[in-house]
Amino acid sequence: MNGNMAELSLDMQSVAWADLLTDAEAQLQRAIDAVMVRLVPHHDSVEVSVVLTDDATMQHLNKTYRGQEKPTNVLSFPSGMTLNGDAPVLLGDLVLTHETIAREAAQQGKSFLHHTLHLAVHGVLHLLAFDHETDADASDMEALEVSILADLGVNNPYQDNHAAMEPAHG
């Protein structure tokens, strides 16, 4: 593993990501590490795989795994492995799609980078078994997201328009 950071395995399947997010790997590493520093004591023994794709691929994944015939901004696929001491563990996979994220960022009046960082944090929290199925769980998860994003210099994504800012899924 790589010392004091979670291990990031990045698969950029769509070249549009390179145009929209300068230094994608470093930016995503920042987001993942911000979550890990807060929640996983031995975060240097954790690996997260991130796939940067397009809406067509995301729609296929969303239909296959969630039964929804549309793209979504982020999907999280926990590995099911448990964190036991210092043993390396693959936490899971995140899939992000540039078209949906770019469209949402424009609609919400925020930068593509900030929206991507929010969705990466949201997705990693899902990998760590956080969810938003109940109002209480959603409130707890949102508060954690807001706090972690503040560490990254990202404004509260839920502040102005809660419904419009909520991630489509994790």
N, C-alpha and C. Protein backbone atom coordinates (compact mmCIF):
# COMPACT_ATOMS: atom_id res chain seq x y z
N MET A 1 0.83 -1.18 0.00
CA MET A 1 0.00 0.00 0.00
C MET A 1 0.88 1.25 0.00
N ASN A 2 0.27 2.40 -0.05
CA ASN A 2 1.03 3.61 -0.32
C ASN A 2 1.22 4.54 0.87
N GLY A 3 1.45 4.01 2.05
CA GLY A 3 1.75 4.88 3.17
C GLY A 3 0.51 5.39 3.87
N ASN A 4 0.29 6.70 3.85
CA ASN A 4 -0.79 7.28 4.63
C ASN A 4 -2.05 7.58 3.83
N MET A 5 -2.16 7.05 2.64
CA MET A 5 -3.35 7.29 1.82
C MET A 5 -4.02 5.97 1.48
N ALA A 6 -5.33 6.05 1.27
CA ALA A 6 -6.04 4.89 0.73
C ALA A 6 -5.51 4.66 -0.68
N GLU A 7 -5.49 3.42 -1.08
CA GLU A 7 -5.04 3.09 -2.43
C GLU A 7 -6.19 3.34 -3.40
N LEU A 8 -5.91 4.06 -4.46
CA LEU A 8 -6.91 4.37 -5.48
C LEU A 8 -6.53 3.66 -6.76
N SER A 9 -7.46 2.88 -7.28
CA SER A 9 -7.30 2.26 -8.59
C SER A 9 -8.28 2.97 -9.52
N LEU A 10 -7.77 3.67 -10.53
CA LEU A 10 -8.61 4.49 -11.40
C LEU A 10 -8.67 3.91 -12.80
N ASP A 11 -9.90 3.80 -13.32
CA ASP A 11 -10.14 3.35 -14.68
C ASP A 11 -10.95 4.43 -15.40
N MET A 12 -10.27 5.23 -16.23
CA MET A 12 -10.94 6.30 -16.96
C MET A 12 -11.40 5.73 -18.30
N GLN A 13 -12.67 5.35 -18.36
CA GLN A 13 -13.23 4.73 -19.55
C GLN A 13 -13.71 5.73 -20.59
N SER A 14 -13.89 6.98 -20.18
CA SER A 14 -14.36 8.00 -21.09
C SER A 14 -13.36 9.16 -21.11
N VAL A 15 -12.88 9.50 -22.29
CA VAL A 15 -11.91 10.59 -22.40
C VAL A 15 -12.51 11.94 -22.04
N ALA A 16 -13.82 12.06 -22.04
CA ALA A 16 -14.47 13.32 -21.66
C ALA A 16 -14.08 13.72 -20.23
N TRP A 17 -13.79 12.76 -19.38
CA TRP A 17 -13.38 13.07 -18.02
C TRP A 17 -12.11 13.91 -18.01
N ALA A 18 -11.17 13.61 -18.89
CA ALA A 18 -9.90 14.34 -18.93
C ALA A 18 -10.14 15.81 -19.27
N ASP A 19 -11.16 16.08 -20.09
CA ASP A 19 -11.49 17.46 -20.46
C ASP A 19 -12.21 18.20 -19.34
N LEU A 20 -12.98 17.47 -18.53
CA LEU A 20 -13.82 18.09 -17.51
C LEU A 20 -13.18 18.18 -16.13
N LEU A 21 -12.24 17.30 -15.85
CA LEU A 21 -11.66 17.26 -14.51
C LEU A 21 -10.15 17.18 -14.61
N THR A 22 -9.50 18.30 -14.38
CA THR A 22 -8.05 18.34 -14.41
C THR A 22 -7.50 17.52 -13.25
N ASP A 23 -6.56 16.64 -13.54
CA ASP A 23 -5.91 15.82 -12.53
C ASP A 23 -6.94 15.00 -11.74
N ALA A 24 -7.75 14.25 -12.46
CA ALA A 24 -8.84 13.48 -11.86
C ALA A 24 -8.35 12.56 -10.74
N GLU A 25 -7.24 11.89 -10.98
CA GLU A 25 -6.76 10.94 -9.98
C GLU A 25 -6.43 11.63 -8.65
N ALA A 26 -5.73 12.75 -8.71
CA ALA A 26 -5.37 13.47 -7.49
C ALA A 26 -6.61 14.02 -6.79
N GLN A 27 -7.58 14.52 -7.55
CA GLN A 27 -8.80 15.07 -6.95
C GLN A 27 -9.61 13.97 -6.26
N LEU A 28 -9.74 12.83 -6.92
CA LEU A 28 -10.49 11.73 -6.33
C LEU A 28 -9.75 11.16 -5.12
N GLN A 29 -8.44 11.12 -5.18
CA GLN A 29 -7.64 10.67 -4.04
C GLN A 29 -7.91 11.56 -2.83
N ARG A 30 -7.96 12.87 -3.05
CA ARG A 30 -8.27 13.82 -1.95
C ARG A 30 -9.62 13.49 -1.30
N ALA A 31 -10.63 13.23 -2.13
CA ALA A 31 -11.97 12.96 -1.61
C ALA A 31 -12.00 11.65 -0.82
N ILE A 32 -11.40 10.63 -1.36
CA ILE A 32 -11.38 9.33 -0.70
C ILE A 32 -10.62 9.43 0.62
N ASP A 33 -9.47 10.07 0.60
CA ASP A 33 -8.68 10.20 1.82
C ASP A 33 -9.40 11.02 2.89
N ALA A 34 -10.15 12.03 2.47
CA ALA A 34 -10.89 12.85 3.43
C ALA A 34 -11.91 12.00 4.20
N VAL A 35 -12.54 11.06 3.51
CA VAL A 35 -13.48 10.16 4.17
C VAL A 35 -12.72 9.19 5.07
N MET A 36 -11.66 8.61 4.54
CA MET A 36 -10.92 7.60 5.28
C MET A 36 -10.30 8.15 6.56
N VAL A 37 -9.75 9.35 6.50
CA VAL A 37 -9.13 9.95 7.68
C VAL A 37 -10.15 10.05 8.81
N ARG A 38 -11.39 10.35 8.45
CA ARG A 38 -12.45 10.49 9.46
C ARG A 38 -12.93 9.16 10.01
N LEU A 39 -13.00 8.13 9.14
CA LEU A 39 -13.77 6.95 9.52
C LEU A 39 -13.00 5.63 9.59
N VAL A 40 -11.83 5.56 9.01
CA VAL A 40 -11.10 4.29 8.96
C VAL A 40 -9.70 4.51 9.53
N PRO A 41 -9.45 4.01 10.75
CA PRO A 41 -8.16 4.27 11.40
C PRO A 41 -6.94 3.85 10.57
N HIS A 42 -7.00 2.71 9.94
CA HIS A 42 -5.87 2.22 9.14
C HIS A 42 -6.19 2.37 7.66
N HIS A 43 -6.47 3.62 7.26
CA HIS A 43 -6.94 3.85 5.90
C HIS A 43 -5.89 3.57 4.84
N ASP A 44 -4.64 3.41 5.25
CA ASP A 44 -3.61 3.09 4.26
C ASP A 44 -3.70 1.63 3.83
N SER A 45 -4.55 0.83 4.48
CA SER A 45 -4.72 -0.56 4.09
C SER A 45 -6.01 -0.78 3.30
N VAL A 46 -6.61 0.30 2.83
CA VAL A 46 -7.87 0.24 2.10
C VAL A 46 -7.65 0.63 0.65
N GLU A 47 -8.30 -0.11 -0.26
CA GLU A 47 -8.27 0.23 -1.68
C GLU A 47 -9.68 0.50 -2.16
N VAL A 48 -9.81 1.54 -2.98
CA VAL A 48 -11.08 1.88 -3.63
C VAL A 48 -10.81 1.93 -5.12
N SER A 49 -11.66 1.26 -5.87
CA SER A 49 -11.58 1.29 -7.32
C SER A 49 -12.60 2.29 -7.84
N VAL A 50 -12.17 3.20 -8.72
CA VAL A 50 -13.07 4.20 -9.28
C VAL A 50 -13.07 4.08 -10.79
N VAL A 51 -14.27 3.99 -11.35
CA VAL A 51 -14.45 3.94 -12.80
C VAL A 51 -15.12 5.24 -13.22
N LEU A 52 -14.47 5.93 -14.16
CA LEU A 52 -15.03 7.18 -14.71
C LEU A 52 -15.56 6.84 -16.09
N THR A 53 -16.86 6.90 -16.25
CA THR A 53 -17.48 6.40 -17.46
C THR A 53 -18.46 7.42 -18.05
N ASP A 54 -19.29 6.94 -18.97
CA ASP A 54 -20.28 7.78 -19.65
C ASP A 54 -21.69 7.31 -19.31
N ASP A 55 -22.67 8.09 -19.75
CA ASP A 55 -24.06 7.78 -19.41
C ASP A 55 -24.55 6.45 -19.98
N ALA A 56 -24.10 6.07 -21.16
CA ALA A 56 -24.55 4.80 -21.74
C ALA A 56 -24.13 3.62 -20.87
N THR A 57 -22.89 3.64 -20.43
CA THR A 57 -22.40 2.56 -19.56
C THR A 57 -23.11 2.61 -18.22
N MET A 58 -23.27 3.82 -17.67
CA MET A 58 -23.94 3.96 -16.38
C MET A 58 -25.39 3.49 -16.45
N GLN A 59 -26.08 3.80 -17.54
CA GLN A 59 -27.47 3.35 -17.68
C GLN A 59 -27.54 1.84 -17.69
N HIS A 60 -26.61 1.20 -18.37
CA HIS A 60 -26.56 -0.27 -18.39
C HIS A 60 -26.34 -0.82 -16.98
N LEU A 61 -25.40 -0.25 -16.25
CA LEU A 61 -25.12 -0.71 -14.88
C LEU A 61 -26.32 -0.46 -13.96
N ASN A 62 -26.95 0.70 -14.10
CA ASN A 62 -28.09 1.04 -13.26
C ASN A 62 -29.26 0.10 -13.54
N LYS A 63 -29.45 -0.26 -14.79
CA LYS A 63 -30.52 -1.21 -15.13
C LYS A 63 -30.19 -2.60 -14.60
N THR A 64 -28.97 -3.02 -14.81
CA THR A 64 -28.55 -4.35 -14.39
C THR A 64 -28.61 -4.54 -12.88
N TYR A 65 -28.11 -3.57 -12.12
CA TYR A 65 -27.97 -3.74 -10.68
C TYR A 65 -29.05 -3.09 -9.84
N ARG A 66 -29.80 -2.14 -10.42
CA ARG A 66 -30.84 -1.45 -9.63
C ARG A 66 -32.20 -1.47 -10.31
N GLY A 67 -32.27 -2.05 -11.51
CA GLY A 67 -33.54 -2.16 -12.22
C GLY A 67 -34.09 -0.84 -12.73
N GLN A 68 -33.21 0.17 -12.87
CA GLN A 68 -33.65 1.48 -13.34
C GLN A 68 -33.06 1.76 -14.72
N GLU A 69 -33.94 2.09 -15.66
CA GLU A 69 -33.55 2.29 -17.06
C GLU A 69 -33.15 3.74 -17.30
N LYS A 70 -32.15 4.22 -16.56
CA LYS A 70 -31.64 5.58 -16.75
C LYS A 70 -30.26 5.65 -16.12
N PRO A 71 -29.46 6.60 -16.57
CA PRO A 71 -28.17 6.78 -15.90
C PRO A 71 -28.37 7.45 -14.55
N THR A 72 -27.43 7.26 -13.67
CA THR A 72 -27.41 7.95 -12.39
C THR A 72 -26.01 8.54 -12.22
N ASN A 73 -25.82 9.43 -11.27
CA ASN A 73 -24.54 10.10 -11.17
C ASN A 73 -23.44 9.24 -10.57
N VAL A 74 -23.77 8.40 -9.58
CA VAL A 74 -22.77 7.55 -8.92
C VAL A 74 -23.42 6.23 -8.52
N LEU A 75 -22.67 5.17 -8.66
CA LEU A 75 -23.06 3.87 -8.13
C LEU A 75 -21.91 3.37 -7.26
N SER A 76 -22.27 2.74 -6.16
CA SER A 76 -21.29 2.16 -5.25
C SER A 76 -21.51 0.66 -5.18
N PHE A 77 -20.42 -0.07 -5.27
CA PHE A 77 -20.47 -1.52 -5.19
C PHE A 77 -19.53 -1.97 -4.08
N PRO A 78 -20.05 -2.11 -2.84
CA PRO A 78 -19.19 -2.56 -1.75
C PRO A 78 -18.68 -3.97 -2.01
N SER A 79 -17.45 -4.22 -1.61
CA SER A 79 -16.85 -5.54 -1.85
C SER A 79 -17.38 -6.58 -0.88
N GLY A 80 -17.87 -6.14 0.26
CA GLY A 80 -18.32 -7.08 1.27
C GLY A 80 -17.20 -7.52 2.20
N MET A 81 -15.98 -7.10 1.89
CA MET A 81 -14.85 -7.43 2.76
C MET A 81 -14.92 -6.54 4.01
N THR A 82 -14.52 -7.10 5.14
CA THR A 82 -14.55 -6.33 6.37
C THR A 82 -13.16 -5.79 6.68
N LEU A 83 -13.14 -4.69 7.38
CA LEU A 83 -11.89 -4.06 7.79
C LEU A 83 -11.41 -4.74 9.07
N ASN A 84 -10.34 -5.51 8.97
CA ASN A 84 -9.79 -6.23 10.12
C ASN A 84 -8.35 -5.84 10.33
N GLY A 85 -8.11 -4.95 11.28
CA GLY A 85 -6.74 -4.56 11.59
C GLY A 85 -6.05 -3.91 10.42
N ASP A 86 -4.81 -4.34 10.19
CA ASP A 86 -3.97 -3.74 9.15
C ASP A 86 -4.02 -4.49 7.82
N ALA A 87 -4.78 -5.57 7.75
CA ALA A 87 -4.81 -6.37 6.52
C ALA A 87 -5.40 -5.55 5.38
N PRO A 88 -4.74 -5.51 4.22
CA PRO A 88 -5.28 -4.76 3.07
C PRO A 88 -6.66 -5.29 2.68
N VAL A 89 -7.53 -4.37 2.30
CA VAL A 89 -8.88 -4.75 1.92
C VAL A 89 -9.35 -3.85 0.77
N LEU A 90 -9.99 -4.47 -0.22
CA LEU A 90 -10.65 -3.70 -1.28
C LEU A 90 -12.01 -3.31 -0.73
N LEU A 91 -12.19 -2.02 -0.50
CA LEU A 91 -13.45 -1.52 0.05
C LEU A 91 -14.59 -1.70 -0.94
N GLY A 92 -14.31 -1.44 -2.22
CA GLY A 92 -15.33 -1.60 -3.25
C GLY A 92 -15.06 -0.72 -4.44
N ASP A 93 -16.07 -0.63 -5.31
CA ASP A 93 -15.96 0.12 -6.55
C ASP A 93 -16.95 1.27 -6.57
N LEU A 94 -16.49 2.39 -7.11
CA LEU A 94 -17.36 3.54 -7.40
C LEU A 94 -17.39 3.72 -8.90
N VAL A 95 -18.55 4.04 -9.43
CA VAL A 95 -18.68 4.37 -10.85
C VAL A 95 -19.32 5.75 -10.93
N LEU A 96 -18.67 6.65 -11.66
CA LEU A 96 -19.15 8.02 -11.84
C LEU A 96 -19.30 8.28 -13.33
N THR A 97 -20.35 9.01 -13.72
CA THR A 97 -20.56 9.30 -15.13
C THR A 97 -20.51 10.81 -15.39
N HIS A 98 -19.72 11.19 -16.38
CA HIS A 98 -19.47 12.61 -16.60
C HIS A 98 -20.67 13.38 -17.13
N GLU A 99 -21.47 12.82 -18.03
CA GLU A 99 -22.58 13.60 -18.60
C GLU A 99 -23.61 14.00 -17.54
N THR A 100 -24.00 13.03 -16.71
CA THR A 100 -24.99 13.31 -15.67
C THR A 100 -24.43 14.28 -14.65
N ILE A 101 -23.19 14.08 -14.24
CA ILE A 101 -22.58 14.96 -13.24
C ILE A 101 -22.45 16.38 -13.81
N ALA A 102 -22.02 16.50 -15.06
CA ALA A 102 -21.88 17.82 -15.68
C ALA A 102 -23.24 18.52 -15.79
N ARG A 103 -24.26 17.77 -16.18
CA ARG A 103 -25.61 18.34 -16.32
C ARG A 103 -26.13 18.81 -14.95
N GLU A 104 -25.97 17.97 -13.93
CA GLU A 104 -26.44 18.35 -12.59
C GLU A 104 -25.67 19.55 -12.05
N ALA A 105 -24.37 19.56 -12.25
CA ALA A 105 -23.55 20.69 -11.77
C ALA A 105 -24.03 21.99 -12.41
N ALA A 106 -24.29 21.96 -13.71
CA ALA A 106 -24.76 23.17 -14.41
C ALA A 106 -26.14 23.59 -13.88
N GLN A 107 -27.04 22.62 -13.70
CA GLN A 107 -28.38 22.92 -13.19
C GLN A 107 -28.34 23.49 -11.78
N GLN A 108 -27.38 23.03 -10.99
CA GLN A 108 -27.29 23.42 -9.58
C GLN A 108 -26.35 24.61 -9.37
N GLY A 109 -25.74 25.09 -10.44
CA GLY A 109 -24.87 26.25 -10.34
C GLY A 109 -23.60 26.02 -9.55
N LYS A 110 -23.03 24.84 -9.67
CA LYS A 110 -21.77 24.57 -8.98
C LYS A 110 -20.76 24.00 -9.96
N SER A 111 -19.53 23.96 -9.54
CA SER A 111 -18.48 23.48 -10.44
C SER A 111 -18.56 21.97 -10.60
N PHE A 112 -18.10 21.52 -11.76
CA PHE A 112 -18.03 20.09 -12.03
C PHE A 112 -17.15 19.41 -10.98
N LEU A 113 -16.02 20.03 -10.64
CA LEU A 113 -15.11 19.45 -9.64
C LEU A 113 -15.81 19.29 -8.30
N HIS A 114 -16.49 20.32 -7.82
CA HIS A 114 -17.13 20.23 -6.51
C HIS A 114 -18.23 19.18 -6.49
N HIS A 115 -19.00 19.10 -7.56
CA HIS A 115 -20.05 18.09 -7.62
C HIS A 115 -19.45 16.69 -7.67
N THR A 116 -18.37 16.53 -8.41
CA THR A 116 -17.69 15.23 -8.48
C THR A 116 -17.14 14.83 -7.12
N LEU A 117 -16.51 15.78 -6.42
CA LEU A 117 -15.98 15.49 -5.09
C LEU A 117 -17.12 15.08 -4.14
N HIS A 118 -18.25 15.79 -4.23
CA HIS A 118 -19.40 15.44 -3.39
C HIS A 118 -19.85 14.01 -3.67
N LEU A 119 -19.97 13.66 -4.93
CA LEU A 119 -20.45 12.33 -5.28
C LEU A 119 -19.44 11.25 -4.92
N ALA A 120 -18.15 11.56 -5.00
CA ALA A 120 -17.12 10.61 -4.59
C ALA A 120 -17.23 10.36 -3.07
N VAL A 121 -17.36 11.43 -2.30
CA VAL A 121 -17.52 11.29 -0.85
C VAL A 121 -18.79 10.49 -0.55
N HIS A 122 -19.88 10.84 -1.20
CA HIS A 122 -21.16 10.13 -1.02
C HIS A 122 -20.99 8.64 -1.32
N GLY A 123 -20.34 8.34 -2.43
CA GLY A 123 -20.14 6.95 -2.83
C GLY A 123 -19.27 6.17 -1.86
N VAL A 124 -18.20 6.78 -1.38
CA VAL A 124 -17.32 6.10 -0.43
C VAL A 124 -18.07 5.84 0.88
N LEU A 125 -18.91 6.78 1.30
CA LEU A 125 -19.71 6.53 2.50
C LEU A 125 -20.60 5.31 2.31
N HIS A 126 -21.17 5.15 1.11
CA HIS A 126 -21.95 3.94 0.83
C HIS A 126 -21.08 2.70 0.93
N LEU A 127 -19.84 2.78 0.45
CA LEU A 127 -18.94 1.63 0.56
C LEU A 127 -18.68 1.27 2.02
N LEU A 128 -18.77 2.26 2.89
CA LEU A 128 -18.56 2.05 4.33
C LEU A 128 -19.87 1.76 5.06
N ALA A 129 -20.92 1.43 4.29
CA ALA A 129 -22.22 0.98 4.82
C ALA A 129 -23.12 2.10 5.32
N PHE A 130 -22.83 3.34 4.99
CA PHE A 130 -23.77 4.42 5.28
C PHE A 130 -24.86 4.38 4.23
N ASP A 131 -26.07 4.77 4.62
CA ASP A 131 -27.14 4.87 3.63
C ASP A 131 -28.07 6.01 3.99
N HIS A 132 -29.07 6.22 3.15
CA HIS A 132 -30.03 7.29 3.36
C HIS A 132 -31.45 6.77 3.14
N GLU A 133 -31.67 5.54 3.65
CA GLU A 133 -32.98 4.91 3.49
C GLU A 133 -34.03 5.49 4.44
N THR A 134 -33.60 5.94 5.61
CA THR A 134 -34.53 6.58 6.54
C THR A 134 -34.14 8.05 6.67
N ASP A 135 -35.07 8.86 7.18
CA ASP A 135 -34.77 10.29 7.37
C ASP A 135 -33.60 10.48 8.33
N ALA A 136 -33.55 9.68 9.38
CA ALA A 136 -32.46 9.81 10.36
C ALA A 136 -31.12 9.44 9.73
N ASP A 137 -31.10 8.35 8.96
CA ASP A 137 -29.87 7.94 8.29
C ASP A 137 -29.44 8.99 7.26
N ALA A 138 -30.40 9.52 6.52
CA ALA A 138 -30.10 10.55 5.52
C ALA A 138 -29.51 11.78 6.19
N SER A 139 -30.09 12.18 7.30
CA SER A 139 -29.61 13.35 8.02
C SER A 139 -28.18 13.14 8.52
N ASP A 140 -27.92 11.97 9.08
CA ASP A 140 -26.57 11.65 9.57
C ASP A 140 -25.56 11.62 8.42
N MET A 141 -25.94 11.00 7.32
CA MET A 141 -25.04 10.88 6.17
C MET A 141 -24.77 12.26 5.57
N GLU A 142 -25.80 13.06 5.43
CA GLU A 142 -25.63 14.41 4.87
C GLU A 142 -24.72 15.26 5.75
N ALA A 143 -24.91 15.18 7.07
CA ALA A 143 -24.07 15.97 7.99
C ALA A 143 -22.60 15.55 7.85
N LEU A 144 -22.36 14.27 7.73
CA LEU A 144 -21.00 13.77 7.55
C LEU A 144 -20.42 14.24 6.21
N GLU A 145 -21.23 14.17 5.15
CA GLU A 145 -20.79 14.65 3.83
C GLU A 145 -20.41 16.13 3.90
N VAL A 146 -21.27 16.93 4.50
CA VAL A 146 -21.05 18.38 4.58
C VAL A 146 -19.74 18.66 5.32
N SER A 147 -19.51 17.96 6.41
CA SER A 147 -18.30 18.16 7.20
C SER A 147 -17.04 17.75 6.43
N ILE A 148 -17.09 16.61 5.77
CA ILE A 148 -15.94 16.14 4.98
C ILE A 148 -15.69 17.08 3.80
N LEU A 149 -16.76 17.50 3.13
CA LEU A 149 -16.60 18.40 2.00
C LEU A 149 -16.02 19.74 2.44
N ALA A 150 -16.38 20.21 3.62
CA ALA A 150 -15.80 21.45 4.14
C ALA A 150 -14.28 21.31 4.26
N ASP A 151 -13.81 20.14 4.68
CA ASP A 151 -12.37 19.88 4.76
C ASP A 151 -11.71 19.98 3.39
N LEU A 152 -12.49 19.71 2.35
CA LEU A 152 -11.99 19.76 0.96
C LEU A 152 -12.20 21.14 0.32
N GLY A 153 -12.77 22.07 1.07
CA GLY A 153 -13.03 23.41 0.53
C GLY A 153 -14.26 23.47 -0.36
N VAL A 154 -15.19 22.55 -0.16
CA VAL A 154 -16.42 22.49 -0.96
C VAL A 154 -17.59 22.94 -0.08
N ASN A 155 -18.37 23.89 -0.59
CA ASN A 155 -19.53 24.39 0.14
C ASN A 155 -20.58 23.29 0.35
N ASN A 156 -21.42 23.50 1.33
CA ASN A 156 -22.51 22.58 1.64
C ASN A 156 -23.39 22.39 0.41
N PRO A 157 -23.42 21.18 -0.16
CA PRO A 157 -24.21 20.95 -1.37
C PRO A 157 -25.71 20.89 -1.11
N TYR A 158 -26.11 20.81 0.16
CA TYR A 158 -27.53 20.71 0.51
C TYR A 158 -28.12 22.04 0.97
N GLN A 159 -27.31 23.08 1.01
CA GLN A 159 -27.69 24.33 1.64
C GLN A 159 -28.90 25.01 1.02
N ASP A 160 -28.91 25.22 -0.30
CA ASP A 160 -29.94 26.04 -0.92
C ASP A 160 -31.16 25.26 -1.37
N ASN A 161 -30.95 24.22 -2.14
CA ASN A 161 -32.06 23.47 -2.71
C ASN A 161 -31.86 22.01 -2.41
N HIS A 162 -32.37 21.54 -1.29
CA HIS A 162 -32.12 20.19 -0.83
C HIS A 162 -32.48 19.14 -1.85
N ALA A 163 -33.64 19.21 -2.44
CA ALA A 163 -34.07 18.17 -3.40
C ALA A 163 -33.18 18.15 -4.63
N ALA A 164 -32.82 19.31 -5.13
CA ALA A 164 -32.01 19.37 -6.35
C ALA A 164 -30.58 18.93 -6.10
N MET A 165 -30.10 19.07 -4.87
CA MET A 165 -28.71 18.76 -4.57
C MET A 165 -28.50 17.32 -4.19
N GLU A 166 -29.54 16.61 -3.83
CA GLU A 166 -29.39 15.25 -3.34
C GLU A 166 -28.84 14.34 -4.42
N PRO A 167 -27.82 13.54 -4.10
CA PRO A 167 -27.31 12.59 -5.09
C PRO A 167 -28.42 11.64 -5.53
N ALA A 168 -28.39 11.29 -6.80
CA ALA A 168 -29.42 10.41 -7.33
C ALA A 168 -29.38 9.05 -6.64
N HIS A 169 -28.19 8.58 -6.38
CA HIS A 169 -28.03 7.32 -5.66
C HIS A 169 -26.57 7.11 -5.36
N GLY A 170 -26.32 6.13 -4.57
CA GLY A 170 -24.95 5.80 -4.21
C GLY A 170 -24.61 4.40 -4.49
